[in-house]
């Protein structure tokens, strides 16, 4: 028996008709888009650091992304804690709790995609826009078919690292790039990057290869291409973080000693 959108958290029942999945996805995703729009709008009423006021849109955009990461990162862990059976079958087994998580995330990525399109030059955001298209495509296949929802929840474990990644940007915009808090966050960010981003993507790639016979060709192709793109983007981002927060700091420290 397979779990469904109508089941309670952790309880498995028969999978509902496909049209029920579609209705559930559109309702949850649409609500999510409105939620993140409200979060972003609400940030306009909150105090903002003077150093961030020069680019208030970016401050609100990053803060909204931080909110999404905080919610979905903890939510993804809870999904496996409350429904451990999902870890044994990432293809067919899931709970309403996990299905809702993936749908909510799709709503965020749709919202953020259009937020960047309307407020930022494409030349400055094309990497993120491309990333969002890949995620929306892969997650949509999962929630609309009712398959691979568990696999999508594994992918959302990456958001645990994104909490510290977005916090890093918030601290920099607030003019705290040389603070102790920033340095501590940089170390946690790099550690969680390796554990929850690089390692998770590597595990997902391995799972996809090992389960090739159980995944339809179209889904396997989309998943493989998506994983290859994500892996390449994350390796580049890891190098940028390492160079900016650690290699640059080491060089500056050596210069100060030489003076």
C-alpha atoms as a PDB file:
ATOM      1  CA  UNK A   1       0.000   0.000   0.000  1.00  0.00           C
ATOM      2  CA  UNK A   2       1.179   3.502  -0.803  1.00  0.00           C
ATOM      3  CA  UNK A   3       0.774   6.712   1.149  1.00  0.00           C
ATOM      4  CA  UNK A   4      -1.393   9.550  -0.126  1.00  0.00           C
ATOM      5  CA  UNK A   5      -2.161  13.248   0.145  1.00  0.00           C
ATOM      6  CA  UNK A   6      -5.224  12.387   2.200  1.00  0.00           C
ATOM      7  CA  UNK A   7      -3.329  10.369   4.810  1.00  0.00           C
ATOM      8  CA  UNK A   8      -2.246  11.625   8.193  1.00  0.00           C
ATOM      9  CA  UNK A   9       1.440  12.075   9.029  1.00  0.00           C
ATOM     10  CA  UNK A  10       3.183   8.742   9.206  1.00  0.00           C
ATOM     11  CA  UNK A  11       0.168   6.688   8.108  1.00  0.00           C
ATOM     12  CA  UNK A  12       0.138   4.810   4.823  1.00  0.00           C
ATOM     13  CA  UNK A  13      -3.058   4.332   2.811  1.00  0.00           C
ATOM     14  CA  UNK A  14      -3.871   3.705  -0.804  1.00  0.00           C
ATOM     15  CA  UNK A  15      -2.649   6.296  -3.230  1.00  0.00           C
ATOM     16  CA  UNK A  16      -5.522   8.513  -4.444  1.00  0.00           C
ATOM     17  CA  UNK A  17      -6.482   9.261  -7.997  1.00  0.00           C
ATOM     18  CA  UNK A  18      -4.127  11.407 -10.023  1.00  0.00           C
ATOM     19  CA  UNK A  19      -6.600  14.305 -10.160  1.00  0.00           C
ATOM     20  CA  UNK A  20      -6.529  14.483  -6.352  1.00  0.00           C
ATOM     21  CA  UNK A  21      -2.764  14.935  -6.490  1.00  0.00           C
ATOM     22  CA  UNK A  22      -3.136  17.697  -9.058  1.00  0.00           C
ATOM     23  CA  UNK A  23      -5.733  19.583  -6.998  1.00  0.00           C
ATOM     24  CA  UNK A  24      -3.635  19.221  -3.840  1.00  0.00           C
ATOM     25  CA  UNK A  25      -0.479  20.433  -5.567  1.00  0.00           C
ATOM     26  CA  UNK A  26      -2.092  23.500  -7.131  1.00  0.00           C
ATOM     27  CA  UNK A  27      -3.793  24.487  -3.872  1.00  0.00           C
ATOM     28  CA  UNK A  28      -0.700  24.047  -1.687  1.00  0.00           C
ATOM     29  CA  UNK A  29       1.699  25.566  -4.213  1.00  0.00           C
ATOM     30  CA  UNK A  30      -0.536  28.564  -4.855  1.00  0.00           C
ATOM     31  CA  UNK A  31      -0.925  29.165  -1.124  1.00  0.00           C
ATOM     32  CA  UNK A  32       2.844  28.923  -0.746  1.00  0.00           C
ATOM     33  CA  UNK A  33       3.456  31.556  -3.431  1.00  0.00           C
ATOM     34  CA  UNK A  34       1.112  33.936  -1.592  1.00  0.00           C
ATOM     35  CA  UNK A  35       2.752  33.124   1.760  1.00  0.00           C
ATOM     36  CA  UNK A  36       6.243  34.041   0.590  1.00  0.00           C
ATOM     37  CA  UNK A  37       4.904  37.158  -1.091  1.00  0.00           C
ATOM     38  CA  UNK A  38       3.376  38.182   2.249  1.00  0.00           C
ATOM     39  CA  UNK A  39       6.638  37.417   4.082  1.00  0.00           C
ATOM     40  CA  UNK A  40       8.572  39.573   1.626  1.00  0.00           C
ATOM     41  CA  UNK A  41       6.043  42.406   1.879  1.00  0.00           C
ATOM     42  CA  UNK A  42       6.052  42.189   5.670  1.00  0.00           C
ATOM     43  CA  UNK A  43       9.823  42.709   5.718  1.00  0.00           C
ATOM     44  CA  UNK A  44       9.237  46.235   4.366  1.00  0.00           C
ATOM     45  CA  UNK A  45       7.749  47.173   7.730  1.00  0.00           C
ATOM     46  CA  UNK A  46      10.677  45.852   9.755  1.00  0.00           C
ATOM     47  CA  UNK A  47      13.835  47.877  10.518  1.00  0.00           C
ATOM     48  CA  UNK A  48      16.682  47.414   8.078  1.00  0.00           C
ATOM     49  CA  UNK A  49      20.430  48.002   8.618  1.00  0.00           C
ATOM     50  CA  UNK A  50      21.583  51.252   7.046  1.00  0.00           C
ATOM     51  CA  UNK A  51      24.229  49.395   5.045  1.00  0.00           C
ATOM     52  CA  UNK A  52      21.488  47.226   3.490  1.00  0.00           C
ATOM     53  CA  UNK A  53      19.190  50.133   2.617  1.00  0.00           C
ATOM     54  CA  UNK A  54      21.165  50.753  -0.573  1.00  0.00           C
ATOM     55  CA  UNK A  55      19.663  47.556  -1.965  1.00  0.00           C
ATOM     56  CA  UNK A  56      16.464  46.995  -0.014  1.00  0.00           C
ATOM     57  CA  UNK A  57      15.109  44.528  -2.578  1.00  0.00           C
ATOM     58  CA  UNK A  58      18.116  42.209  -2.143  1.00  0.00           C
ATOM     59  CA  UNK A  59      17.815  42.414   1.647  1.00  0.00           C
ATOM     60  CA  UNK A  60      14.175  41.345   1.519  1.00  0.00           C
ATOM     61  CA  UNK A  61      14.878  38.659  -1.094  1.00  0.00           C
ATOM     62  CA  UNK A  62      17.676  37.063   0.953  1.00  0.00           C
ATOM     63  CA  UNK A  63      15.668  37.336   4.174  1.00  0.00           C
ATOM     64  CA  UNK A  64      12.728  35.584   2.485  1.00  0.00           C
ATOM     65  CA  UNK A  65      15.089  32.867   1.245  1.00  0.00           C
ATOM     66  CA  UNK A  66      16.433  32.517   4.790  1.00  0.00           C
ATOM     67  CA  UNK A  67      12.870  32.034   6.065  1.00  0.00           C
ATOM     68  CA  UNK A  68      12.235  29.342   3.437  1.00  0.00           C
ATOM     69  CA  UNK A  69      15.442  27.495   4.321  1.00  0.00           C
ATOM     70  CA  UNK A  70      14.719  27.643   8.047  1.00  0.00           C
ATOM     71  CA  UNK A  71      11.215  26.220   7.604  1.00  0.00           C
ATOM     72  CA  UNK A  72      11.914  23.577   4.951  1.00  0.00           C
ATOM     73  CA  UNK A  73      15.257  22.486   6.432  1.00  0.00           C
ATOM     74  CA  UNK A  74      13.626  21.550   9.758  1.00  0.00           C
ATOM     75  CA  UNK A  75      10.529  20.243   7.964  1.00  0.00           C
ATOM     76  CA  UNK A  76      12.568  17.808   5.845  1.00  0.00           C
ATOM     77  CA  UNK A  77      14.213  16.323   8.953  1.00  0.00           C
ATOM     78  CA  UNK A  78      10.803  15.953  10.618  1.00  0.00           C
ATOM     79  CA  UNK A  79       9.480  14.123   7.547  1.00  0.00           C
ATOM     80  CA  UNK A  80      11.965  11.282   8.024  1.00  0.00           C
ATOM     81  CA  UNK A  81      11.627  11.344  11.807  1.00  0.00           C
ATOM     82  CA  UNK A  82       7.832  11.040  11.727  1.00  0.00           C
ATOM     83  CA  UNK A  83       7.709   8.697   8.737  1.00  0.00           C
ATOM     84  CA  UNK A  84      10.920   6.579   8.782  1.00  0.00           C
ATOM     85  CA  UNK A  85       9.441   4.108   6.283  1.00  0.00           C
ATOM     86  CA  UNK A  86       9.996   6.722   3.588  1.00  0.00           C
ATOM     87  CA  UNK A  87      13.757   6.255   3.882  1.00  0.00           C
ATOM     88  CA  UNK A  88      13.333   2.622   2.831  1.00  0.00           C
ATOM     89  CA  UNK A  89      11.273   3.469  -0.262  1.00  0.00           C
ATOM     90  CA  UNK A  90      11.988   6.876  -1.781  1.00  0.00           C
ATOM     91  CA  UNK A  91       9.901   6.091  -4.853  1.00  0.00           C
ATOM     92  CA  UNK A  92       6.407   5.163  -3.676  1.00  0.00           C
ATOM     93  CA  UNK A  93       6.225   5.784   0.069  1.00  0.00           C
ATOM     94  CA  UNK A  94       5.482   9.210   1.539  1.00  0.00           C
ATOM     95  CA  UNK A  95       3.147  11.002   3.918  1.00  0.00           C
ATOM     96  CA  UNK A  96       0.874  14.004   3.429  1.00  0.00           C
ATOM     97  CA  UNK A  97       3.401  15.908   5.539  1.00  0.00           C
ATOM     98  CA  UNK A  98       6.239  15.254   3.070  1.00  0.00           C
ATOM     99  CA  UNK A  99       4.045  15.800   0.002  1.00  0.00           C
ATOM    100  CA  UNK A 100       3.010  19.197   1.397  1.00  0.00           C
ATOM    101  CA  UNK A 101       6.665  20.091   2.056  1.00  0.00           C
ATOM    102  CA  UNK A 102       7.673  19.559  -1.569  1.00  0.00           C
ATOM    103  CA  UNK A 103       4.616  21.482  -2.815  1.00  0.00           C
ATOM    104  CA  UNK A 104       5.387  24.399  -0.485  1.00  0.00           C
ATOM    105  CA  UNK A 105       8.963  24.477  -1.753  1.00  0.00           C
ATOM    106  CA  UNK A 106       7.770  24.589  -5.356  1.00  0.00           C
ATOM    107  CA  UNK A 107       5.691  27.626  -4.403  1.00  0.00           C
ATOM    108  CA  UNK A 108       8.742  29.346  -2.956  1.00  0.00           C
ATOM    109  CA  UNK A 109      10.905  28.674  -6.010  1.00  0.00           C
ATOM    110  CA  UNK A 110       8.148  29.947  -8.317  1.00  0.00           C
ATOM    111  CA  UNK A 111       7.792  33.090  -6.204  1.00  0.00           C
ATOM    112  CA  UNK A 112      11.552  33.676  -6.049  1.00  0.00           C
ATOM    113  CA  UNK A 113      11.929  33.067  -9.792  1.00  0.00           C
ATOM    114  CA  UNK A 114       9.508  35.862 -10.666  1.00  0.00           C
ATOM    115  CA  UNK A 115      10.831  38.096  -7.888  1.00  0.00           C
ATOM    116  CA  UNK A 116      14.282  37.971  -9.497  1.00  0.00           C
ATOM    117  CA  UNK A 117      12.919  38.323 -13.038  1.00  0.00           C
ATOM    118  CA  UNK A 118      11.052  41.507 -12.072  1.00  0.00           C
ATOM    119  CA  UNK A 119      13.698  43.103  -9.855  1.00  0.00           C
ATOM    120  CA  UNK A 120      17.118  42.007 -11.054  1.00  0.00           C
ATOM    121  CA  UNK A 121      19.026  41.909 -14.312  1.00  0.00           C
ATOM    122  CA  UNK A 122      19.056  38.444 -15.859  1.00  0.00           C
ATOM    123  CA  UNK A 123      22.819  38.726 -16.344  1.00  0.00           C
ATOM    124  CA  UNK A 124      23.159  38.919 -12.540  1.00  0.00           C
ATOM    125  CA  UNK A 125      20.782  36.086 -11.672  1.00  0.00           C
ATOM    126  CA  UNK A 126      20.815  33.612 -14.569  1.00  0.00           C
ATOM    127  CA  UNK A 127      22.512  30.892 -12.482  1.00  0.00           C
ATOM    128  CA  UNK A 128      19.817  31.024  -9.792  1.00  0.00           C
ATOM    129  CA  UNK A 129      17.043  31.278 -12.374  1.00  0.00           C
ATOM    130  CA  UNK A 130      18.374  28.161 -14.093  1.00  0.00           C
ATOM    131  CA  UNK A 131      18.669  26.412 -10.712  1.00  0.00           C
ATOM    132  CA  UNK A 132      15.038  27.262  -9.921  1.00  0.00           C
ATOM    133  CA  UNK A 133      13.805  25.916 -13.271  1.00  0.00           C
ATOM    134  CA  UNK A 134      15.576  22.588 -12.645  1.00  0.00           C
ATOM    135  CA  UNK A 135      14.192  22.302  -9.089  1.00  0.00           C
ATOM    136  CA  UNK A 136      10.633  23.266 -10.084  1.00  0.00           C
ATOM    137  CA  UNK A 137      10.682  20.690 -12.913  1.00  0.00           C
ATOM    138  CA  UNK A 138      12.003  17.812 -10.779  1.00  0.00           C
ATOM    139  CA  UNK A 139       9.803  18.565  -7.768  1.00  0.00           C
ATOM    140  CA  UNK A 140       6.706  18.981  -9.942  1.00  0.00           C
ATOM    141  CA  UNK A 141       7.177  15.498 -11.414  1.00  0.00           C
ATOM    142  CA  UNK A 142       7.307  14.101  -7.876  1.00  0.00           C
ATOM    143  CA  UNK A 143       4.226  15.821  -6.435  1.00  0.00           C
ATOM    144  CA  UNK A 144       2.052  15.451  -9.560  1.00  0.00           C
ATOM    145  CA  UNK A 145       2.743  11.730 -10.008  1.00  0.00           C
ATOM    146  CA  UNK A 146       2.971  10.842  -6.319  1.00  0.00           C
ATOM    147  CA  UNK A 147       6.318   9.150  -6.973  1.00  0.00           C
ATOM    148  CA  UNK A 148       9.845  10.177  -5.841  1.00  0.00           C
ATOM    149  CA  UNK A 149       8.460  12.462  -3.114  1.00  0.00           C
ATOM    150  CA  UNK A 150      10.900  10.857  -0.673  1.00  0.00           C
ATOM    151  CA  UNK A 151      13.736  11.565  -3.079  1.00  0.00           C
ATOM    152  CA  UNK A 152      12.642  15.226  -3.242  1.00  0.00           C
ATOM    153  CA  UNK A 153      12.574  15.417   0.566  1.00  0.00           C
ATOM    154  CA  UNK A 154      16.159  14.133   0.633  1.00  0.00           C
ATOM    155  CA  UNK A 155      17.044  16.959  -1.769  1.00  0.00           C
ATOM    156  CA  UNK A 156      15.484  19.458   0.649  1.00  0.00           C
ATOM    157  CA  UNK A 157      17.924  18.408   3.377  1.00  0.00           C
ATOM    158  CA  UNK A 158      20.245  20.742   1.461  1.00  0.00           C
ATOM    159  CA  UNK A 159      18.207  23.608   2.935  1.00  0.00           C
ATOM    160  CA  UNK A 160      19.835  22.946   6.318  1.00  0.00           C
ATOM    161  CA  UNK A 161      23.026  24.340   4.827  1.00  0.00           C
ATOM    162  CA  UNK A 162      21.104  27.106   3.069  1.00  0.00           C
ATOM    163  CA  UNK A 163      20.120  28.467   6.500  1.00  0.00           C
ATOM    164  CA  UNK A 164      23.764  29.374   7.157  1.00  0.00           C
ATOM    165  CA  UNK A 165      24.431  30.281   3.527  1.00  0.00           C
ATOM    166  CA  UNK A 166      21.669  32.915   3.579  1.00  0.00           C
ATOM    167  CA  UNK A 167      22.622  34.049   7.079  1.00  0.00           C
ATOM    168  CA  UNK A 168      26.119  34.705   5.711  1.00  0.00           C
ATOM    169  CA  UNK A 169      24.652  37.056   3.088  1.00  0.00           C
ATOM    170  CA  UNK A 170      22.455  38.774   5.680  1.00  0.00           C
ATOM    171  CA  UNK A 171      25.474  39.402   7.929  1.00  0.00           C
ATOM    172  CA  UNK A 172      27.516  40.774   5.034  1.00  0.00           C
ATOM    173  CA  UNK A 173      24.741  43.160   4.027  1.00  0.00           C
ATOM    174  CA  UNK A 174      24.421  44.256   7.648  1.00  0.00           C
ATOM    175  CA  UNK A 175      28.100  45.232   7.656  1.00  0.00           C
ATOM    176  CA  UNK A 176      29.139  42.413   9.995  1.00  0.00           C
ATOM    177  CA  UNK A 177      31.554  40.600   7.671  1.00  0.00           C
ATOM    178  CA  UNK A 178      34.415  41.024  10.164  1.00  0.00           C
ATOM    179  CA  UNK A 179      32.454  40.093  13.272  1.00  0.00           C
ATOM    180  CA  UNK A 180      32.911  36.982  15.429  1.00  0.00           C
ATOM    181  CA  UNK A 181      29.364  35.884  14.567  1.00  0.00           C
ATOM    182  CA  UNK A 182      30.228  35.986  10.871  1.00  0.00           C
ATOM    183  CA  UNK A 183      33.397  33.924  11.370  1.00  0.00           C
ATOM    184  CA  UNK A 184      31.539  31.311  13.407  1.00  0.00           C
ATOM    185  CA  UNK A 185      28.771  31.163  10.819  1.00  0.00           C
ATOM    186  CA  UNK A 186      31.382  30.761   8.056  1.00  0.00           C
ATOM    187  CA  UNK A 187      32.790  27.657   9.742  1.00  0.00           C
ATOM    188  CA  UNK A 188      29.343  26.141  10.351  1.00  0.00           C
ATOM    189  CA  UNK A 189      28.353  27.071   6.796  1.00  0.00           C
ATOM    190  CA  UNK A 190      31.341  25.256   5.296  1.00  0.00           C
ATOM    191  CA  UNK A 191      30.808  22.197   7.511  1.00  0.00           C
ATOM    192  CA  UNK A 192      27.096  21.902   6.710  1.00  0.00           C
ATOM    193  CA  UNK A 193      27.902  22.562   3.055  1.00  0.00           C
ATOM    194  CA  UNK A 194      30.011  19.394   2.939  1.00  0.00           C
ATOM    195  CA  UNK A 195      27.551  17.296   4.988  1.00  0.00           C
ATOM    196  CA  UNK A 196      24.148  18.463   3.763  1.00  0.00           C
ATOM    197  CA  UNK A 197      24.913  19.729   0.276  1.00  0.00           C
ATOM    198  CA  UNK A 198      27.870  17.946  -1.323  1.00  0.00           C
ATOM    199  CA  UNK A 199      27.381  14.627   0.503  1.00  0.00           C
ATOM    200  CA  UNK A 200      23.609  14.681  -0.003  1.00  0.00           C
ATOM    201  CA  UNK A 201      23.965  15.317  -3.735  1.00  0.00           C
ATOM    202  CA  UNK A 202      26.571  12.556  -3.997  1.00  0.00           C
ATOM    203  CA  UNK A 203      24.238  10.132  -2.186  1.00  0.00           C
ATOM    204  CA  UNK A 204      21.314  11.112  -4.420  1.00  0.00           C
ATOM    205  CA  UNK A 205      23.408  10.530  -7.540  1.00  0.00           C
ATOM    206  CA  UNK A 206      24.450   7.105  -6.256  1.00  0.00           C
ATOM    207  CA  UNK A 207      20.816   6.238  -5.414  1.00  0.00           C
ATOM    208  CA  UNK A 208      19.679   7.234  -8.898  1.00  0.00           C
ATOM    209  CA  UNK A 209      22.317   5.033 -10.530  1.00  0.00           C
ATOM    210  CA  UNK A 210      21.583   2.030  -8.283  1.00  0.00           C
ATOM    211  CA  UNK A 211      17.822   2.310  -8.856  1.00  0.00           C
ATOM    212  CA  UNK A 212      18.036   2.850 -12.602  1.00  0.00           C
ATOM    213  CA  UNK A 213      15.851  -0.213 -13.336  1.00  0.00           C
ATOM    214  CA  UNK A 214      12.993   1.134 -11.185  1.00  0.00           C
ATOM    215  CA  UNK A 215      12.911   4.653 -12.627  1.00  0.00           C
ATOM    216  CA  UNK A 216      11.233   5.394 -16.008  1.00  0.00           C
ATOM    217  CA  UNK A 217      13.568   6.691 -18.712  1.00  0.00           C
ATOM    218  CA  UNK A 218      12.079  10.201 -18.759  1.00  0.00           C
ATOM    219  CA  UNK A 219      12.283  10.631 -14.974  1.00  0.00           C
ATOM    220  CA  UNK A 220      15.774   9.115 -14.932  1.00  0.00           C
ATOM    221  CA  UNK A 221      16.953  11.509 -17.656  1.00  0.00           C
ATOM    222  CA  UNK A 222      15.487  14.585 -15.960  1.00  0.00           C
ATOM    223  CA  UNK A 223      16.898  13.484 -12.609  1.00  0.00           C
ATOM    224  CA  UNK A 224      20.353  12.735 -14.003  1.00  0.00           C
ATOM    225  CA  UNK A 225      20.615  16.033 -15.856  1.00  0.00           C
ATOM    226  CA  UNK A 226      19.340  17.881 -12.794  1.00  0.00           C
ATOM    227  CA  UNK A 227      21.858  16.189 -10.500  1.00  0.00           C
ATOM    228  CA  UNK A 228      24.729  16.891 -12.892  1.00  0.00           C
ATOM    229  CA  UNK A 229      23.813  20.586 -13.059  1.00  0.00           C
ATOM    230  CA  UNK A 230      23.378  20.863  -9.279  1.00  0.00           C
ATOM    231  CA  UNK A 231      26.679  19.110  -8.609  1.00  0.00           C
ATOM    232  CA  UNK A 232      28.587  21.425 -10.949  1.00  0.00           C
ATOM    233  CA  UNK A 233      26.952  24.549  -9.497  1.00  0.00           C
ATOM    234  CA  UNK A 234      27.631  23.477  -5.926  1.00  0.00           C
ATOM    235  CA  UNK A 235      31.293  22.705  -6.567  1.00  0.00           C
ATOM    236  CA  UNK A 236      31.744  26.199  -8.036  1.00  0.00           C
ATOM    237  CA  UNK A 237      29.887  27.782  -5.096  1.00  0.00           C
ATOM    238  CA  UNK A 238      31.966  25.809  -2.590  1.00  0.00           C
ATOM    239  CA  UNK A 239      35.174  27.134  -4.158  1.00  0.00           C
ATOM    240  CA  UNK A 240      33.833  30.693  -4.055  1.00  0.00           C
ATOM    241  CA  UNK A 241      32.933  30.379  -0.376  1.00  0.00           C
ATOM    242  CA  UNK A 242      36.288  28.838   0.485  1.00  0.00           C
ATOM    243  CA  UNK A 243      38.165  31.555  -1.376  1.00  0.00           C
ATOM    244  CA  UNK A 244      36.088  34.404   0.052  1.00  0.00           C
ATOM    245  CA  UNK A 245      35.833  33.374   3.706  1.00  0.00           C
ATOM    246  CA  UNK A 246      39.010  31.397   4.309  1.00  0.00           C
ATOM    247  CA  UNK A 247      41.686  31.739   1.627  1.00  0.00           C
ATOM    248  CA  UNK A 248      41.255  35.506   1.416  1.00  0.00           C
ATOM    249  CA  UNK A 249      41.338  35.834   5.206  1.00  0.00           C
ATOM    250  CA  UNK A 250      44.536  33.759   5.366  1.00  0.00           C
ATOM    251  CA  UNK A 251      46.234  35.959   2.767  1.00  0.00           C
ATOM    252  CA  UNK A 252      45.202  39.125   4.604  1.00  0.00           C
ATOM    253  CA  UNK A 253      46.532  37.706   7.878  1.00  0.00           C
ATOM    254  CA  UNK A 254      49.929  36.968   6.302  1.00  0.00           C
ATOM    255  CA  UNK A 255      50.111  40.493   4.877  1.00  0.00           C
ATOM    256  CA  UNK A 256      49.452  41.995   8.309  1.00  0.00           C
ATOM    257  CA  UNK A 257      52.262  39.921   9.816  1.00  0.00           C
ATOM    258  CA  UNK A 258      54.662  41.023   7.082  1.00  0.00           C
ATOM    259  CA  UNK A 259      53.939  44.709   7.684  1.00  0.00           C
END
